[in-house]
Amino acid sequence: MHQGAVTYNSRPMATTKISRPGSRERRGASALNAPRRRVHALAPEHIGELGSVAALAIAVLGVAILIVGVTLIVHGLTIAARYDTGGPPPPNLGQLGQLPLLGGIGLLVLGLLLTAAPLALLADLRFSRLATTALALIAGVLAVGGLLAVISRPDVDPVLTVSLGLTALMFGASALILARPGR
């Protein structure tokens, strides 16, 4: 052997675990000592990890719908300024902005509700799970209706079609996750 080399001892070492005697037995079987579900540190235990992801998806889509609603309101209010080109305005100029304005107000309210309901669910407020599930179903049905309206037109916009399809899918999946019993 080399001088200064350490010899390897391949014999196994026997170790024993020393624990406090009867520590489990002393605690007894209470509800506080029952095994818990393992959830992520940021996921509330009352909805679990999948429920938290579903609530987050609904809230993010709610913010997106809120932004679209504000955009439509601004579009409806400023549509008359687009026809101020010096020529004669259209005869129904007062009515042109009504549909975007009313649709924008509706989307604004839906976006606010879709943003607030998951936050209430994460805070574990009473009936918030039911409200979030119902709002996700309503928004999913509206997205499917919008998707059908877009694909029935002769000039189909693929970006809008895919966006509405994914939105309907995400709302539907989130509603199913939140509606499952036992959580």
N, C-alpha and C. Protein backbone atom coordinates (compact mmCIF):
# COMPACT_ATOMS: atom_id res chain seq x y z
N MET A 1 0.83 -1.18 0.00
CA MET A 1 0.00 0.00 0.00
C MET A 1 0.87 1.23 0.00
N HIS A 2 0.22 2.31 -0.45
CA HIS A 2 0.93 3.58 -0.45
C HIS A 2 1.07 4.08 0.98
N GLN A 3 2.08 4.81 1.14
CA GLN A 3 2.28 5.39 2.45
C GLN A 3 1.29 6.54 2.63
N GLY A 4 0.56 6.56 3.70
CA GLY A 4 -0.42 7.59 3.98
C GLY A 4 -1.80 7.27 3.42
N ALA A 5 -1.96 6.14 2.78
CA ALA A 5 -3.27 5.79 2.22
C ALA A 5 -4.18 5.28 3.32
N VAL A 6 -5.43 5.57 3.22
CA VAL A 6 -6.41 5.15 4.21
C VAL A 6 -6.99 3.83 3.73
N THR A 7 -7.05 2.89 4.64
CA THR A 7 -7.60 1.58 4.27
C THR A 7 -9.12 1.65 4.39
N TYR A 8 -9.77 0.97 3.50
CA TYR A 8 -11.23 0.93 3.47
C TYR A 8 -11.70 -0.28 4.24
N ASN A 9 -12.57 -0.07 5.19
CA ASN A 9 -13.12 -1.16 5.98
C ASN A 9 -14.50 -1.47 5.41
N SER A 10 -14.67 -2.60 4.83
CA SER A 10 -15.92 -2.94 4.16
C SER A 10 -16.91 -3.62 5.08
N ARG A 11 -16.60 -3.74 6.35
CA ARG A 11 -17.55 -4.36 7.27
C ARG A 11 -18.75 -3.45 7.48
N PRO A 12 -19.96 -3.97 7.47
CA PRO A 12 -21.13 -3.12 7.69
C PRO A 12 -21.20 -2.68 9.14
N MET A 13 -21.66 -1.47 9.29
CA MET A 13 -21.82 -0.95 10.64
C MET A 13 -23.26 -1.17 11.07
N ALA A 14 -23.43 -1.60 12.27
CA ALA A 14 -24.77 -1.81 12.80
C ALA A 14 -25.17 -0.57 13.60
N THR A 15 -26.31 0.03 13.20
CA THR A 15 -26.79 1.19 13.94
C THR A 15 -28.19 0.88 14.44
N THR A 16 -28.50 1.46 15.53
CA THR A 16 -29.85 1.30 16.07
C THR A 16 -30.46 2.68 16.23
N LYS A 17 -31.74 2.74 15.97
CA LYS A 17 -32.46 4.00 16.10
C LYS A 17 -32.97 4.10 17.53
N ILE A 18 -32.65 5.17 18.14
CA ILE A 18 -33.10 5.39 19.51
C ILE A 18 -34.21 6.42 19.45
N SER A 19 -35.37 6.04 19.90
CA SER A 19 -36.51 6.97 19.89
C SER A 19 -37.10 7.03 21.29
N ARG A 20 -37.93 8.04 21.45
CA ARG A 20 -38.59 8.16 22.74
C ARG A 20 -39.60 7.04 22.86
N PRO A 21 -39.65 6.39 23.96
CA PRO A 21 -40.58 5.27 24.09
C PRO A 21 -42.02 5.76 24.17
N GLY A 22 -42.82 5.18 23.31
CA GLY A 22 -44.26 5.42 23.37
C GLY A 22 -44.71 6.80 22.97
N SER A 23 -43.92 7.51 22.15
CA SER A 23 -44.33 8.86 21.79
C SER A 23 -45.60 8.84 20.95
N ARG A 24 -45.75 7.88 20.08
CA ARG A 24 -46.97 7.77 19.27
C ARG A 24 -48.14 7.31 20.12
N GLU A 25 -47.87 6.42 21.03
CA GLU A 25 -48.95 5.87 21.84
C GLU A 25 -49.51 6.90 22.81
N ARG A 26 -48.67 7.80 23.26
CA ARG A 26 -49.13 8.80 24.22
C ARG A 26 -50.10 9.79 23.59
N ARG A 27 -49.91 10.08 22.31
CA ARG A 27 -50.75 11.09 21.68
C ARG A 27 -52.18 10.61 21.48
N GLY A 28 -52.36 9.36 21.25
CA GLY A 28 -53.70 8.83 21.06
C GLY A 28 -54.21 9.10 19.65
N ALA A 29 -55.39 8.63 19.39
CA ALA A 29 -55.99 8.76 18.06
C ALA A 29 -57.01 9.88 18.09
N SER A 30 -56.59 11.06 17.75
CA SER A 30 -57.52 12.18 17.69
C SER A 30 -57.56 12.71 16.27
N ALA A 31 -58.49 13.59 16.02
CA ALA A 31 -58.62 14.16 14.69
C ALA A 31 -57.41 15.03 14.34
N LEU A 32 -56.77 15.60 15.33
CA LEU A 32 -55.61 16.44 15.07
C LEU A 32 -54.41 15.63 14.62
N ASN A 33 -54.34 14.38 15.02
CA ASN A 33 -53.20 13.54 14.68
C ASN A 33 -53.47 12.67 13.46
N ALA A 34 -54.62 12.82 12.85
CA ALA A 34 -54.95 12.00 11.68
C ALA A 34 -54.05 12.40 10.51
N PRO A 35 -53.71 11.46 9.67
CA PRO A 35 -52.87 11.80 8.52
C PRO A 35 -53.61 12.76 7.59
N ARG A 36 -52.88 13.73 7.07
CA ARG A 36 -53.47 14.74 6.20
C ARG A 36 -53.14 14.43 4.75
N ARG A 37 -53.98 15.02 3.86
CA ARG A 37 -53.65 14.95 2.44
C ARG A 37 -52.42 15.80 2.21
N ARG A 38 -51.61 15.36 1.32
CA ARG A 38 -50.43 16.16 0.99
C ARG A 38 -50.80 17.12 -0.12
N VAL A 39 -50.73 18.40 0.15
CA VAL A 39 -51.00 19.42 -0.85
C VAL A 39 -49.82 20.37 -0.90
N HIS A 40 -49.77 21.13 -1.97
CA HIS A 40 -48.71 22.11 -2.14
C HIS A 40 -48.83 23.17 -1.06
N ALA A 41 -47.73 23.77 -0.72
CA ALA A 41 -47.72 24.76 0.35
C ALA A 41 -48.60 25.98 0.03
N LEU A 42 -48.76 26.29 -1.25
CA LEU A 42 -49.56 27.45 -1.62
C LEU A 42 -51.01 27.08 -1.92
N ALA A 43 -51.32 25.81 -2.01
CA ALA A 43 -52.68 25.36 -2.31
C ALA A 43 -53.46 25.19 -1.01
N PRO A 44 -54.59 25.87 -0.88
CA PRO A 44 -55.40 25.66 0.33
C PRO A 44 -55.88 24.22 0.41
N GLU A 45 -55.91 23.71 1.61
CA GLU A 45 -56.27 22.31 1.79
C GLU A 45 -57.72 22.01 1.43
N HIS A 46 -58.61 23.02 1.55
CA HIS A 46 -60.02 22.77 1.30
C HIS A 46 -60.35 22.59 -0.18
N ILE A 47 -59.43 22.98 -1.10
CA ILE A 47 -59.70 22.74 -2.52
C ILE A 47 -58.63 21.90 -3.18
N GLY A 48 -57.48 21.74 -2.58
CA GLY A 48 -56.43 20.89 -3.12
C GLY A 48 -55.66 21.56 -4.24
N GLU A 49 -54.71 20.81 -4.79
CA GLU A 49 -53.84 21.37 -5.83
C GLU A 49 -54.60 21.61 -7.13
N LEU A 50 -55.36 20.62 -7.59
CA LEU A 50 -56.10 20.79 -8.84
C LEU A 50 -57.13 21.90 -8.73
N GLY A 51 -57.80 21.98 -7.60
CA GLY A 51 -58.77 23.06 -7.40
C GLY A 51 -58.11 24.42 -7.40
N SER A 52 -56.91 24.51 -6.86
CA SER A 52 -56.18 25.78 -6.87
C SER A 52 -55.78 26.17 -8.29
N VAL A 53 -55.37 25.19 -9.06
CA VAL A 53 -55.02 25.47 -10.46
C VAL A 53 -56.26 25.92 -11.23
N ALA A 54 -57.39 25.25 -10.99
CA ALA A 54 -58.64 25.63 -11.66
C ALA A 54 -59.06 27.04 -11.25
N ALA A 55 -58.95 27.36 -9.97
CA ALA A 55 -59.32 28.70 -9.51
C ALA A 55 -58.40 29.75 -10.12
N LEU A 56 -57.12 29.44 -10.22
CA LEU A 56 -56.18 30.37 -10.83
C LEU A 56 -56.49 30.58 -12.31
N ALA A 57 -56.82 29.51 -13.02
CA ALA A 57 -57.17 29.62 -14.44
C ALA A 57 -58.42 30.49 -14.62
N ILE A 58 -59.41 30.30 -13.78
CA ILE A 58 -60.64 31.09 -13.87
C ILE A 58 -60.34 32.56 -13.58
N ALA A 59 -59.51 32.82 -12.59
CA ALA A 59 -59.18 34.22 -12.25
C ALA A 59 -58.40 34.89 -13.38
N VAL A 60 -57.45 34.18 -13.98
CA VAL A 60 -56.67 34.76 -15.08
C VAL A 60 -57.56 35.03 -16.29
N LEU A 61 -58.43 34.09 -16.62
CA LEU A 61 -59.36 34.30 -17.72
C LEU A 61 -60.34 35.43 -17.39
N GLY A 62 -60.71 35.57 -16.13
CA GLY A 62 -61.57 36.66 -15.71
C GLY A 62 -60.92 38.02 -15.93
N VAL A 63 -59.63 38.12 -15.63
CA VAL A 63 -58.90 39.37 -15.87
C VAL A 63 -58.84 39.66 -17.37
N ALA A 64 -58.62 38.62 -18.18
CA ALA A 64 -58.58 38.81 -19.64
C ALA A 64 -59.94 39.29 -20.16
N ILE A 65 -61.02 38.72 -19.65
CA ILE A 65 -62.36 39.14 -20.07
C ILE A 65 -62.63 40.57 -19.59
N LEU A 66 -62.15 40.91 -18.43
CA LEU A 66 -62.28 42.27 -17.91
C LEU A 66 -61.60 43.27 -18.84
N ILE A 67 -60.42 42.93 -19.32
CA ILE A 67 -59.68 43.81 -20.24
C ILE A 67 -60.43 43.95 -21.57
N VAL A 68 -60.97 42.86 -22.08
CA VAL A 68 -61.75 42.92 -23.32
C VAL A 68 -63.00 43.77 -23.12
N GLY A 69 -63.64 43.67 -21.96
CA GLY A 69 -64.82 44.48 -21.67
C GLY A 69 -64.50 45.96 -21.66
N VAL A 70 -63.41 46.34 -21.03
CA VAL A 70 -63.00 47.75 -21.01
C VAL A 70 -62.69 48.23 -22.43
N THR A 71 -62.04 47.39 -23.21
CA THR A 71 -61.73 47.74 -24.59
C THR A 71 -62.99 47.98 -25.40
N LEU A 72 -63.99 47.12 -25.24
CA LEU A 72 -65.25 47.30 -25.96
C LEU A 72 -65.99 48.55 -25.51
N ILE A 73 -65.95 48.87 -24.24
CA ILE A 73 -66.59 50.08 -23.75
C ILE A 73 -65.94 51.32 -24.38
N VAL A 74 -64.62 51.35 -24.40
CA VAL A 74 -63.91 52.47 -25.02
C VAL A 74 -64.23 52.55 -26.51
N HIS A 75 -64.29 51.40 -27.18
CA HIS A 75 -64.63 51.36 -28.60
C HIS A 75 -66.04 51.90 -28.83
N GLY A 76 -66.97 51.50 -28.00
CA GLY A 76 -68.35 51.97 -28.16
C GLY A 76 -68.51 53.46 -27.89
N LEU A 77 -67.73 53.98 -26.95
CA LEU A 77 -67.83 55.41 -26.63
C LEU A 77 -67.14 56.29 -27.65
N THR A 78 -66.13 55.79 -28.32
CA THR A 78 -65.34 56.61 -29.23
C THR A 78 -65.62 56.32 -30.70
N ILE A 79 -66.64 55.56 -31.02
CA ILE A 79 -66.88 55.20 -32.41
C ILE A 79 -67.29 56.41 -33.26
N ALA A 80 -67.94 57.39 -32.66
CA ALA A 80 -68.35 58.57 -33.42
C ALA A 80 -67.15 59.39 -33.86
N ALA A 81 -66.07 59.36 -33.11
CA ALA A 81 -64.87 60.12 -33.46
C ALA A 81 -64.19 59.55 -34.70
N ARG A 82 -64.42 58.32 -35.02
CA ARG A 82 -63.82 57.71 -36.21
C ARG A 82 -64.46 58.23 -37.49
N TYR A 83 -65.67 58.74 -37.41
CA TYR A 83 -66.37 59.23 -38.59
C TYR A 83 -66.28 60.74 -38.73
N ASP A 84 -65.41 61.37 -37.98
CA ASP A 84 -65.21 62.81 -38.06
C ASP A 84 -64.12 63.11 -39.07
N THR A 85 -64.36 62.73 -40.31
CA THR A 85 -63.35 62.90 -41.37
C THR A 85 -63.69 64.07 -42.29
N GLY A 86 -64.68 64.84 -42.00
CA GLY A 86 -65.06 65.96 -42.84
C GLY A 86 -66.24 65.65 -43.75
N GLY A 87 -66.49 64.38 -44.00
CA GLY A 87 -67.62 63.99 -44.83
C GLY A 87 -68.88 63.85 -44.00
N PRO A 88 -69.95 63.52 -44.64
CA PRO A 88 -71.20 63.35 -43.87
C PRO A 88 -71.15 62.07 -43.02
N PRO A 89 -71.58 62.15 -41.77
CA PRO A 89 -71.57 60.95 -40.91
C PRO A 89 -72.66 59.99 -41.34
N PRO A 90 -72.53 58.74 -40.97
CA PRO A 90 -73.59 57.77 -41.28
C PRO A 90 -74.90 58.19 -40.61
N PRO A 91 -76.02 57.79 -41.18
CA PRO A 91 -77.30 58.23 -40.59
C PRO A 91 -77.58 57.61 -39.22
N ASN A 92 -77.01 56.48 -38.92
CA ASN A 92 -77.26 55.82 -37.63
C ASN A 92 -76.05 55.91 -36.71
N LEU A 93 -75.34 57.01 -36.73
CA LEU A 93 -74.12 57.15 -35.94
C LEU A 93 -74.37 56.99 -34.45
N GLY A 94 -75.50 57.44 -33.95
CA GLY A 94 -75.82 57.31 -32.53
C GLY A 94 -76.04 55.87 -32.10
N GLN A 95 -76.41 55.01 -33.03
CA GLN A 95 -76.68 53.61 -32.69
C GLN A 95 -75.48 52.70 -32.88
N LEU A 96 -74.46 53.17 -33.60
CA LEU A 96 -73.31 52.30 -33.90
C LEU A 96 -72.55 51.88 -32.65
N GLY A 97 -72.47 52.73 -31.67
CA GLY A 97 -71.70 52.41 -30.48
C GLY A 97 -72.48 51.69 -29.40
N GLN A 98 -73.78 51.49 -29.59
CA GLN A 98 -74.58 50.88 -28.53
C GLN A 98 -74.24 49.41 -28.30
N LEU A 99 -74.09 48.64 -29.37
CA LEU A 99 -73.81 47.20 -29.19
C LEU A 99 -72.45 46.96 -28.54
N PRO A 100 -71.35 47.62 -29.01
CA PRO A 100 -70.09 47.42 -28.28
C PRO A 100 -70.14 47.91 -26.84
N LEU A 101 -70.88 49.00 -26.60
CA LEU A 101 -70.97 49.53 -25.24
C LEU A 101 -71.70 48.56 -24.32
N LEU A 102 -72.84 48.05 -24.76
CA LEU A 102 -73.60 47.10 -23.92
C LEU A 102 -72.84 45.78 -23.76
N GLY A 103 -72.24 45.30 -24.84
CA GLY A 103 -71.44 44.06 -24.75
C GLY A 103 -70.24 44.24 -23.83
N GLY A 104 -69.62 45.41 -23.90
CA GLY A 104 -68.47 45.69 -23.03
C GLY A 104 -68.85 45.75 -21.57
N ILE A 105 -70.02 46.34 -21.29
CA ILE A 105 -70.49 46.40 -19.90
C ILE A 105 -70.79 44.98 -19.39
N GLY A 106 -71.41 44.16 -20.24
CA GLY A 106 -71.67 42.77 -19.86
C GLY A 106 -70.39 41.99 -19.60
N LEU A 107 -69.40 42.16 -20.49
CA LEU A 107 -68.11 41.47 -20.28
C LEU A 107 -67.36 42.01 -19.07
N LEU A 108 -67.50 43.30 -18.81
CA LEU A 108 -66.86 43.88 -17.63
C LEU A 108 -67.42 43.27 -16.34
N VAL A 109 -68.74 43.14 -16.28
CA VAL A 109 -69.36 42.54 -15.10
C VAL A 109 -68.96 41.07 -14.97
N LEU A 110 -68.99 40.33 -16.10
CA LEU A 110 -68.59 38.91 -16.06
C LEU A 110 -67.13 38.77 -15.66
N GLY A 111 -66.27 39.63 -16.19
CA GLY A 111 -64.85 39.58 -15.82
C GLY A 111 -64.61 39.86 -14.35
N LEU A 112 -65.35 40.84 -13.81
CA LEU A 112 -65.21 41.13 -12.37
C LEU A 112 -65.67 39.95 -11.52
N LEU A 113 -66.80 39.35 -11.91
CA LEU A 113 -67.28 38.19 -11.16
C LEU A 113 -66.33 37.01 -11.27
N LEU A 114 -65.78 36.78 -12.47
CA LEU A 114 -64.85 35.66 -12.67
C LEU A 114 -63.52 35.89 -11.96
N THR A 115 -63.19 37.13 -11.69
CA THR A 115 -61.97 37.41 -10.94
C THR A 115 -62.21 37.32 -9.44
N ALA A 116 -63.38 37.77 -8.99
CA ALA A 116 -63.67 37.80 -7.55
C ALA A 116 -64.05 36.42 -7.00
N ALA A 117 -64.76 35.60 -7.77
CA ALA A 117 -65.22 34.31 -7.26
C ALA A 117 -64.08 33.36 -6.89
N PRO A 118 -63.03 33.20 -7.73
CA PRO A 118 -61.92 32.34 -7.29
C PRO A 118 -61.17 32.88 -6.08
N LEU A 119 -61.10 34.20 -5.95
CA LEU A 119 -60.45 34.76 -4.77
C LEU A 119 -61.27 34.45 -3.51
N ALA A 120 -62.59 34.50 -3.64
CA ALA A 120 -63.45 34.12 -2.52
C ALA A 120 -63.31 32.64 -2.21
N LEU A 121 -63.12 31.83 -3.25
CA LEU A 121 -62.92 30.39 -3.06
C LEU A 121 -61.61 30.12 -2.32
N LEU A 122 -60.57 30.82 -2.69
CA LEU A 122 -59.30 30.63 -2.00
C LEU A 122 -59.38 31.10 -0.55
N ALA A 123 -60.23 32.08 -0.28
CA ALA A 123 -60.43 32.56 1.09
C ALA A 123 -61.41 31.69 1.86
N ASP A 124 -61.98 30.69 1.21
CA ASP A 124 -62.90 29.72 1.81
C ASP A 124 -64.17 30.38 2.34
N LEU A 125 -64.74 31.27 1.53
CA LEU A 125 -66.02 31.88 1.89
C LEU A 125 -67.15 30.92 1.57
N ARG A 126 -68.24 31.08 2.27
CA ARG A 126 -69.39 30.19 2.11
C ARG A 126 -69.98 30.31 0.71
N PHE A 127 -70.31 29.21 0.08
CA PHE A 127 -70.90 29.09 -1.25
C PHE A 127 -70.00 29.60 -2.36
N SER A 128 -68.75 29.87 -2.08
CA SER A 128 -67.86 30.39 -3.12
C SER A 128 -67.49 29.30 -4.14
N ARG A 129 -67.43 28.06 -3.69
CA ARG A 129 -67.12 26.98 -4.63
C ARG A 129 -68.25 26.82 -5.64
N LEU A 130 -69.48 26.87 -5.15
CA LEU A 130 -70.64 26.77 -6.04
C LEU A 130 -70.71 27.96 -7.00
N ALA A 131 -70.46 29.15 -6.48
CA ALA A 131 -70.50 30.35 -7.33
C ALA A 131 -69.41 30.32 -8.39
N THR A 132 -68.21 29.90 -8.01
CA THR A 132 -67.11 29.83 -8.97
C THR A 132 -67.39 28.79 -10.04
N THR A 133 -67.92 27.64 -9.64
CA THR A 133 -68.26 26.60 -10.61
C THR A 133 -69.35 27.08 -11.56
N ALA A 134 -70.39 27.71 -11.02
CA ALA A 134 -71.48 28.20 -11.86
C ALA A 134 -71.00 29.28 -12.83
N LEU A 135 -70.18 30.20 -12.36
CA LEU A 135 -69.66 31.25 -13.24
C LEU A 135 -68.75 30.67 -14.32
N ALA A 136 -67.95 29.66 -13.97
CA ALA A 136 -67.10 29.03 -14.98
C ALA A 136 -67.95 28.32 -16.03
N LEU A 137 -69.04 27.68 -15.61
CA LEU A 137 -69.94 27.04 -16.57
C LEU A 137 -70.61 28.07 -17.48
N ILE A 138 -71.08 29.16 -16.91
CA ILE A 138 -71.72 30.22 -17.71
C ILE A 138 -70.72 30.79 -18.71
N ALA A 139 -69.51 31.09 -18.25
CA ALA A 139 -68.50 31.64 -19.15
C ALA A 139 -68.11 30.63 -20.23
N GLY A 140 -68.06 29.34 -19.87
CA GLY A 140 -67.75 28.31 -20.86
C GLY A 140 -68.83 28.21 -21.92
N VAL A 141 -70.10 28.28 -21.50
CA VAL A 141 -71.21 28.24 -22.46
C VAL A 141 -71.16 29.47 -23.36
N LEU A 142 -70.87 30.64 -22.80
CA LEU A 142 -70.75 31.85 -23.61
C LEU A 142 -69.58 31.75 -24.59
N ALA A 143 -68.49 31.14 -24.17
CA ALA A 143 -67.35 30.96 -25.07
C ALA A 143 -67.69 30.00 -26.20
N VAL A 144 -68.44 28.93 -25.90
CA VAL A 144 -68.88 28.01 -26.96
C VAL A 144 -69.82 28.73 -27.91
N GLY A 145 -70.73 29.56 -27.39
CA GLY A 145 -71.62 30.34 -28.24
C GLY A 145 -70.84 31.30 -29.14
N GLY A 146 -69.84 31.95 -28.59
CA GLY A 146 -68.98 32.82 -29.40
C GLY A 146 -68.21 32.04 -30.44
N LEU A 147 -67.74 30.85 -30.07
CA LEU A 147 -67.02 30.00 -31.01
C LEU A 147 -67.93 29.59 -32.17
N LEU A 148 -69.17 29.22 -31.86
CA LEU A 148 -70.10 28.84 -32.92
C LEU A 148 -70.44 30.03 -33.81
N ALA A 149 -70.54 31.22 -33.23
CA ALA A 149 -70.81 32.41 -34.04
C ALA A 149 -69.63 32.74 -34.96
N VAL A 150 -68.41 32.52 -34.48
CA VAL A 150 -67.23 32.82 -35.29
C VAL A 150 -67.07 31.81 -36.42
N ILE A 151 -67.27 30.53 -36.13
CA ILE A 151 -67.04 29.53 -37.18
C ILE A 151 -68.19 29.47 -38.18
N SER A 152 -69.33 30.10 -37.88
CA SER A 152 -70.44 30.11 -38.84
C SER A 152 -70.28 31.20 -39.89
N ARG A 153 -69.35 32.11 -39.69
CA ARG A 153 -69.10 33.18 -40.66
C ARG A 153 -68.28 32.64 -41.82
N PRO A 154 -68.40 33.24 -43.00
CA PRO A 154 -67.63 32.75 -44.15
C PRO A 154 -66.13 33.02 -44.03
N ASP A 155 -65.72 34.13 -43.39
CA ASP A 155 -64.30 34.43 -43.23
C ASP A 155 -63.88 34.11 -41.79
N VAL A 156 -63.49 32.88 -41.57
CA VAL A 156 -63.15 32.40 -40.23
C VAL A 156 -61.76 32.91 -39.85
N ASP A 157 -61.66 33.50 -38.68
CA ASP A 157 -60.38 33.96 -38.15
C ASP A 157 -59.81 32.84 -37.30
N PRO A 158 -58.69 32.24 -37.71
CA PRO A 158 -58.16 31.09 -36.96
C PRO A 158 -57.69 31.45 -35.54
N VAL A 159 -57.15 32.65 -35.36
CA VAL A 159 -56.67 33.04 -34.03
C VAL A 159 -57.85 33.16 -33.06
N LEU A 160 -58.91 33.81 -33.50
CA LEU A 160 -60.10 33.96 -32.67
C LEU A 160 -60.76 32.62 -32.40
N THR A 161 -60.78 31.75 -33.41
CA THR A 161 -61.38 30.43 -33.25
C THR A 161 -60.63 29.60 -32.21
N VAL A 162 -59.32 29.57 -32.31
CA VAL A 162 -58.51 28.81 -31.35
C VAL A 162 -58.61 29.41 -29.95
N SER A 163 -58.61 30.74 -29.86
CA SER A 163 -58.70 31.41 -28.55
C SER A 163 -60.02 31.08 -27.86
N LEU A 164 -61.12 31.18 -28.60
CA LEU A 164 -62.42 30.87 -28.00
C LEU A 164 -62.54 29.39 -27.66
N GLY A 165 -61.98 28.53 -28.49
CA GLY A 165 -62.01 27.09 -28.19
C GLY A 165 -61.24 26.74 -26.94
N LEU A 166 -60.03 27.30 -26.81
CA LEU A 166 -59.23 27.05 -25.60
C LEU A 166 -59.88 27.65 -24.36
N THR A 167 -60.49 28.82 -24.52
CA THR A 167 -61.17 29.45 -23.39
C THR A 167 -62.33 28.58 -22.92
N ALA A 168 -63.13 28.09 -23.86
CA ALA A 168 -64.26 27.21 -23.51
C ALA A 168 -63.75 25.93 -22.85
N LEU A 169 -62.66 25.39 -23.37
CA LEU A 169 -62.08 24.16 -22.79
C LEU A 169 -61.57 24.41 -21.37
N MET A 170 -60.91 25.53 -21.16
CA MET A 170 -60.37 25.81 -19.83
C MET A 170 -61.47 26.08 -18.81
N PHE A 171 -62.51 26.81 -19.22
CA PHE A 171 -63.63 27.04 -18.31
C PHE A 171 -64.34 25.73 -17.99
N GLY A 172 -64.55 24.90 -19.00
CA GLY A 172 -65.23 23.63 -18.77
C GLY A 172 -64.44 22.71 -17.87
N ALA A 173 -63.14 22.60 -18.12
CA ALA A 173 -62.29 21.73 -17.29
C ALA A 173 -62.23 22.26 -15.86
N SER A 174 -62.12 23.57 -15.70
CA SER A 174 -62.07 24.15 -14.35
C SER A 174 -63.37 23.92 -13.60
N ALA A 175 -64.50 24.05 -14.30
CA ALA A 175 -65.79 23.81 -13.66
C ALA A 175 -65.92 22.35 -13.24
N LEU A 176 -65.44 21.43 -14.09
CA LEU A 176 -65.50 20.00 -13.72
C LEU A 176 -64.61 19.69 -12.52
N ILE A 177 -63.44 20.28 -12.49
CA ILE A 177 -62.53 20.04 -11.35
C ILE A 177 -63.16 20.56 -10.06
N LEU A 178 -63.74 21.75 -10.11
CA LEU A 178 -64.32 22.32 -8.90
C LEU A 178 -65.64 21.65 -8.50
N ALA A 179 -66.31 21.02 -9.45
CA ALA A 179 -67.61 20.40 -9.15
C ALA A 179 -67.48 18.99 -8.61
N ARG A 180 -66.31 18.41 -8.64
CA ARG A 180 -66.19 17.02 -8.19
C ARG A 180 -66.40 16.93 -6.68
N PRO A 181 -67.10 15.91 -6.27
CA PRO A 181 -67.41 15.78 -4.83
C PRO A 181 -66.21 15.30 -4.02
N GLY A 182 -66.32 15.47 -2.74
CA GLY A 182 -65.31 14.93 -1.84
C GLY A 182 -64.20 15.88 -1.53
N ARG A 183 -64.25 17.08 -2.00
CA ARG A 183 -63.19 18.04 -1.72
C ARG A 183 -63.76 19.25 -1.06
